[in-house]
Amino acid sequence: MREFLPSLLVLVLLCASTGIGFLVNARLPERHRSRESVEMIQLAIGLMVTFTAIVLGLLTSSVKSGFETAYQARGTYAGQIAQLDRCLRDYGPETDATRARLRSYVAAVIASTWPDEAPPPGATYPDTSKMRQVGEDPTLSEIMNQVGLDVRALKPADVFHQNMANACMSDYADTIRSRWAVIEGEHGSIATPFYWVLVFWLVLLFASFGLRARPNLLSVIVIGLCAVSVSSAVFVIRDLDLPYGGLFGVPSDSMRDALADMSR
């Protein structure tokens, strides 16, 4: 419910601004209702509607692209972790402790990033109650750093194990790059001040609707439907801009699949 509050606030502001426009309209002297004034208001409203539609369209396209990038980055990251675990498994039983640490890391990522979902069954991981849901977390960073130290500390006894150690080191480097791609993709791209400036533009636009027409049942219904439509668009923009959490969110499926593969 909390993620709907900003959009509900926008809806209330749009309806309230239209009501203020109706009140001002009802008190305007007749000289302000000339044909020239009405035509000028129509041109101004048309300009505002066009500008707002362009901005909303560009924002929707931008956040949708950002969400898809975050979704793909999470899938790539999960695949890289599973590949690193497979390389460690192929190296031999010497890496069992490192693999256990890596499984603990993945389980902690799932539990901290998707706290509203069921925790990974049968997995041991650190306490995630104080971990960040998004961004860099020191505890998780330390676990992953220790995995890297373990990989670097491998002592190959023959050519095969030397090649496997090199492959695991390469997989670890790819995993770290994917990890940072995920972390950077978790942050929204729309600045809060810009969001509220957009809301201010919408409030002015709906106030101008009220100035243009006298209040009647049909105009109130139409403007109300417009307010609901615009508020829902604003909700989608805000929700997609933050890929984790909300109605639209990157699912945990890829990480859970990776953990299941690592547990075999």
Protein backbone atom coordinates (compact mmCIF):
# COMPACT_ATOMS: atom_id res chain seq x y z
CA MET A 1 0.00 0.00 0.00
CA ARG A 2 2.87 2.37 0.75
CA GLU A 3 4.02 2.46 -2.87
CA PHE A 4 0.57 3.75 -3.92
CA LEU A 5 0.61 6.78 -1.59
CA PRO A 6 2.59 9.16 -3.88
CA SER A 7 0.25 8.43 -6.79
CA LEU A 8 -2.82 8.88 -4.58
CA LEU A 9 -1.38 12.22 -3.48
CA VAL A 10 -0.95 13.20 -7.13
CA LEU A 11 -4.57 12.23 -7.83
CA VAL A 12 -5.80 14.36 -4.93
CA LEU A 13 -3.68 17.33 -6.06
CA LEU A 14 -4.96 17.09 -9.63
CA CYS A 15 -8.60 16.94 -8.53
CA ALA A 16 -8.08 19.77 -6.03
CA SER A 17 -6.42 22.00 -8.64
CA THR A 18 -9.32 21.38 -11.02
CA GLY A 19 -11.76 22.32 -8.26
CA ILE A 20 -9.85 25.57 -7.67
CA GLY A 21 -10.03 26.24 -11.39
CA PHE A 22 -13.82 25.74 -11.33
CA LEU A 23 -14.15 28.17 -8.41
CA VAL A 24 -12.09 30.84 -10.17
CA ASN A 25 -14.04 30.27 -13.39
CA ALA A 26 -17.35 30.83 -11.63
CA ARG A 27 -16.15 34.22 -10.31
CA LEU A 28 -14.60 35.56 -13.51
CA PRO A 29 -16.21 38.75 -14.85
CA GLU A 30 -17.93 38.41 -18.19
CA ARG A 31 -15.28 40.51 -19.94
CA HIS A 32 -12.81 37.66 -19.42
CA ARG A 33 -15.00 35.29 -21.45
CA SER A 34 -14.50 36.97 -24.80
CA ARG A 35 -13.78 34.95 -27.89
CA GLU A 36 -10.15 36.11 -27.98
CA SER A 37 -9.62 35.09 -24.35
CA VAL A 38 -11.17 31.65 -24.92
CA GLU A 39 -9.01 31.03 -28.01
CA MET A 40 -5.88 32.10 -26.15
CA ILE A 41 -6.70 29.75 -23.27
CA GLN A 42 -7.24 26.89 -25.72
CA LEU A 43 -3.83 27.51 -27.31
CA ALA A 44 -2.13 27.65 -23.90
CA ILE A 45 -3.82 24.45 -22.75
CA GLY A 46 -2.90 22.72 -26.00
CA LEU A 47 0.74 23.71 -25.53
CA MET A 48 0.75 22.46 -21.91
CA VAL A 49 -0.93 19.16 -22.85
CA THR A 50 1.54 18.52 -25.68
CA PHE A 51 4.56 19.33 -23.53
CA THR A 52 3.35 17.20 -20.63
CA ALA A 53 2.54 14.27 -22.92
CA ILE A 54 6.05 14.41 -24.42
CA VAL A 55 7.70 14.50 -20.98
CA LEU A 56 5.59 11.62 -19.64
CA GLY A 57 6.28 9.57 -22.77
CA LEU A 58 10.04 10.14 -22.55
CA LEU A 59 10.09 9.31 -18.83
CA THR A 60 8.09 6.12 -19.37
CA SER A 61 10.45 5.01 -22.13
CA SER A 62 13.51 5.85 -20.02
CA VAL A 63 12.41 4.01 -16.87
CA LYS A 64 11.22 1.02 -18.89
CA SER A 65 14.66 0.77 -20.51
CA GLY A 66 16.32 1.09 -17.09
CA PHE A 67 14.09 -1.63 -15.64
CA GLU A 68 14.87 -4.02 -18.50
CA THR A 69 18.59 -3.34 -18.07
CA ALA A 70 18.35 -4.11 -14.33
CA TYR A 71 16.37 -7.28 -15.07
CA GLN A 72 18.98 -8.51 -17.55
CA ALA A 73 21.86 -7.55 -15.24
CA ARG A 74 20.36 -9.63 -12.42
CA GLY A 75 20.01 -12.66 -14.71
CA THR A 76 23.59 -12.29 -15.95
CA TYR A 77 24.83 -11.95 -12.38
CA ALA A 78 23.03 -15.12 -11.28
CA GLY A 79 24.50 -17.00 -14.23
CA GLN A 80 28.02 -15.79 -13.45
CA ILE A 81 27.72 -16.90 -9.81
CA ALA A 82 26.49 -20.34 -10.87
CA GLN A 83 29.37 -20.61 -13.35
CA LEU A 84 31.89 -19.66 -10.65
CA ASP A 85 30.46 -22.33 -8.35
CA ARG A 86 30.63 -24.92 -11.14
CA CYS A 87 34.29 -24.07 -11.75
CA LEU A 88 35.08 -24.44 -8.05
CA ARG A 89 33.21 -27.74 -7.97
CA ASP A 90 35.23 -29.04 -10.93
CA TYR A 91 38.47 -27.98 -9.25
CA GLY A 92 37.95 -30.48 -6.46
CA PRO A 93 36.99 -30.93 -2.80
CA GLU A 94 39.58 -28.33 -1.75
CA THR A 95 37.06 -25.66 -2.64
CA ASP A 96 34.15 -26.99 -0.58
CA ALA A 97 34.53 -24.26 2.06
CA THR A 98 34.65 -21.56 -0.63
CA ARG A 99 31.56 -22.97 -2.31
CA ALA A 100 29.72 -23.01 1.02
CA ARG A 101 30.67 -19.35 1.51
CA LEU A 102 29.40 -18.53 -1.98
CA ARG A 103 26.08 -20.30 -1.32
CA SER A 104 25.76 -18.36 1.92
CA TYR A 105 26.31 -15.15 -0.05
CA VAL A 106 23.60 -15.96 -2.60
CA ALA A 107 21.11 -16.94 0.11
CA ALA A 108 21.80 -13.68 1.97
CA VAL A 109 21.30 -11.68 -1.24
CA ILE A 110 17.91 -13.32 -1.78
CA ALA A 111 16.78 -12.82 1.81
CA SER A 112 17.90 -9.16 1.97
CA THR A 113 16.82 -8.04 -1.52
CA TRP A 114 13.40 -9.71 -1.42
CA PRO A 115 12.48 -9.58 2.31
CA ASP A 116 8.77 -10.06 1.61
CA GLU A 117 9.35 -13.43 -0.04
CA ALA A 118 10.02 -16.76 1.62
CA PRO A 119 13.68 -17.12 2.67
CA PRO A 120 15.81 -19.71 0.84
CA PRO A 121 15.01 -23.11 2.35
CA GLY A 122 17.82 -25.12 3.88
CA ALA A 123 20.41 -22.38 3.45
CA THR A 124 22.73 -20.94 6.07
CA TYR A 125 23.45 -17.23 5.78
CA PRO A 126 24.21 -14.17 7.96
CA ASP A 127 21.51 -12.12 9.64
CA THR A 128 19.93 -9.93 6.94
CA SER A 129 17.70 -7.80 9.18
CA LYS A 130 20.16 -4.90 9.08
CA MET A 131 21.37 -5.40 5.52
CA ARG A 132 20.50 -2.93 2.81
CA GLN A 133 17.81 -3.99 0.39
CA VAL A 134 19.56 -2.22 -2.49
CA GLY A 135 23.05 -0.91 -3.04
CA GLU A 136 26.37 -2.02 -1.60
CA ASP A 137 26.22 -3.86 1.73
CA PRO A 138 29.46 -4.22 3.74
CA THR A 139 28.62 -7.72 5.00
CA LEU A 140 27.89 -9.08 1.54
CA SER A 141 30.91 -7.29 0.13
CA GLU A 142 33.15 -8.93 2.71
CA ILE A 143 31.81 -12.40 1.93
CA MET A 144 32.40 -11.94 -1.79
CA ASN A 145 35.87 -10.53 -1.13
CA GLN A 146 36.71 -13.60 0.94
CA VAL A 147 35.60 -15.83 -1.94
CA GLY A 148 38.07 -13.97 -4.15
CA LEU A 149 40.87 -14.43 -1.62
CA ASP A 150 40.09 -18.16 -1.46
CA VAL A 151 40.28 -18.45 -5.24
CA ARG A 152 43.61 -16.60 -5.33
CA ALA A 153 44.95 -18.85 -2.56
CA LEU A 154 44.42 -22.06 -4.56
CA LYS A 155 47.61 -24.10 -4.96
CA PRO A 156 47.35 -26.16 -8.14
CA ALA A 157 49.31 -29.41 -8.05
CA ASP A 158 49.28 -30.07 -11.80
CA VAL A 159 48.50 -28.52 -15.16
CA PHE A 160 44.80 -29.42 -14.98
CA HIS A 161 44.30 -27.72 -11.63
CA GLN A 162 46.38 -24.76 -12.79
CA ASN A 163 44.05 -24.30 -15.76
CA MET A 164 41.00 -24.68 -13.51
CA ALA A 165 42.38 -22.13 -11.06
CA ASN A 166 42.92 -19.66 -13.90
CA ALA A 167 39.37 -20.30 -15.14
CA CYS A 168 37.92 -19.78 -11.65
CA MET A 169 39.85 -16.54 -11.28
CA SER A 170 38.43 -15.34 -14.61
CA ASP A 171 34.91 -16.37 -13.56
CA TYR A 172 35.35 -14.50 -10.28
CA ALA A 173 36.38 -11.33 -12.13
CA ASP A 174 33.31 -11.63 -14.39
CA THR A 175 31.12 -12.14 -11.30
CA ILE A 176 32.46 -8.97 -9.67
CA ARG A 177 31.78 -6.94 -12.82
CA SER A 178 28.24 -8.31 -12.98
CA ARG A 179 27.77 -7.59 -9.28
CA TRP A 180 28.60 -3.92 -9.74
CA ALA A 181 26.34 -3.72 -12.78
CA VAL A 182 23.48 -4.95 -10.57
CA ILE A 183 24.34 -2.53 -7.74
CA GLU A 184 24.46 0.47 -10.07
CA GLY A 185 21.20 -0.58 -11.73
CA GLU A 186 19.35 -0.61 -8.40
CA HIS A 187 19.30 3.18 -8.11
CA GLY A 188 16.52 5.25 -9.67
CA SER A 189 17.33 7.67 -12.49
CA ILE A 190 14.60 10.25 -11.76
CA ALA A 191 15.66 12.90 -9.25
CA THR A 192 13.08 13.69 -6.56
CA PRO A 193 13.05 17.45 -7.32
CA PHE A 194 12.34 16.75 -10.99
CA TYR A 195 9.50 14.41 -10.04
CA TRP A 196 7.78 17.09 -7.98
CA VAL A 197 8.36 19.69 -10.71
CA LEU A 198 6.52 17.33 -13.05
CA VAL A 199 3.69 17.05 -10.53
CA PHE A 200 3.58 20.86 -10.36
CA TRP A 201 3.21 21.04 -14.15
CA LEU A 202 0.34 18.57 -13.98
CA VAL A 203 -1.36 20.58 -11.23
CA LEU A 204 -1.18 23.72 -13.37
CA LEU A 205 -2.53 21.81 -16.35
CA PHE A 206 -5.56 20.50 -14.47
CA ALA A 207 -6.18 23.91 -12.93
CA SER A 208 -6.37 25.30 -16.46
CA PHE A 209 -9.00 22.66 -17.29
CA GLY A 210 -11.15 24.07 -14.52
CA LEU A 211 -10.64 27.61 -15.82
CA ARG A 212 -11.72 26.58 -19.30
CA ALA A 213 -15.08 24.93 -18.55
CA ARG A 214 -17.92 25.48 -16.13
CA PRO A 215 -18.49 22.61 -13.68
CA ASN A 216 -21.08 20.06 -14.74
CA LEU A 217 -21.44 16.32 -14.31
CA LEU A 218 -19.93 15.43 -17.68
CA SER A 219 -16.87 17.68 -17.34
CA VAL A 220 -16.24 16.49 -13.76
CA ILE A 221 -16.40 12.83 -14.86
CA VAL A 222 -14.09 13.40 -17.84
CA ILE A 223 -11.53 15.37 -15.84
CA GLY A 224 -11.71 12.77 -13.04
CA LEU A 225 -10.95 9.99 -15.53
CA CYS A 226 -8.04 12.03 -16.89
CA ALA A 227 -6.70 12.51 -13.35
CA VAL A 228 -6.89 8.78 -12.67
CA SER A 229 -5.16 8.01 -15.98
CA VAL A 230 -2.32 10.50 -15.38
CA SER A 231 -1.89 9.37 -11.76
CA SER A 232 -1.59 5.75 -12.86
CA ALA A 233 1.05 6.77 -15.43
CA VAL A 234 2.98 8.57 -12.69
CA PHE A 235 2.71 5.45 -10.51
CA VAL A 236 4.12 3.25 -13.28
CA ILE A 237 7.00 5.69 -13.85
CA ARG A 238 7.91 5.77 -10.14
CA ASP A 239 7.55 2.02 -9.71
CA LEU A 240 9.65 1.10 -12.76
CA ASP A 241 12.31 3.63 -11.79
CA LEU A 242 13.08 1.54 -8.68
CA PRO A 243 13.53 -2.01 -10.04
CA TYR A 244 13.40 -3.72 -6.62
CA GLY A 245 10.17 -3.63 -4.63
CA GLY A 246 6.79 -2.27 -5.61
CA LEU A 247 4.24 -3.74 -7.96
CA PHE A 248 6.72 -4.06 -10.82
CA GLY A 249 9.94 -5.52 -9.49
CA VAL A 250 12.82 -7.68 -10.66
CA PRO A 251 11.93 -11.19 -9.47
CA SER A 252 14.21 -13.40 -7.40
CA ASP A 253 13.81 -16.38 -9.76
CA SER A 254 17.26 -16.14 -11.35
CA MET A 255 19.06 -15.99 -7.99
CA ARG A 256 16.97 -18.83 -6.59
CA ASP A 257 17.71 -20.94 -9.68
CA ALA A 258 21.42 -20.24 -9.23
CA LEU A 259 21.26 -21.23 -5.56
CA ALA A 260 19.40 -24.45 -6.44
CA ASP A 261 22.07 -25.29 -9.03
CA MET A 262 24.83 -24.58 -6.51
CA SER A 263 23.22 -26.87 -3.91
CA ARG A 264 23.31 -29.96 -6.07
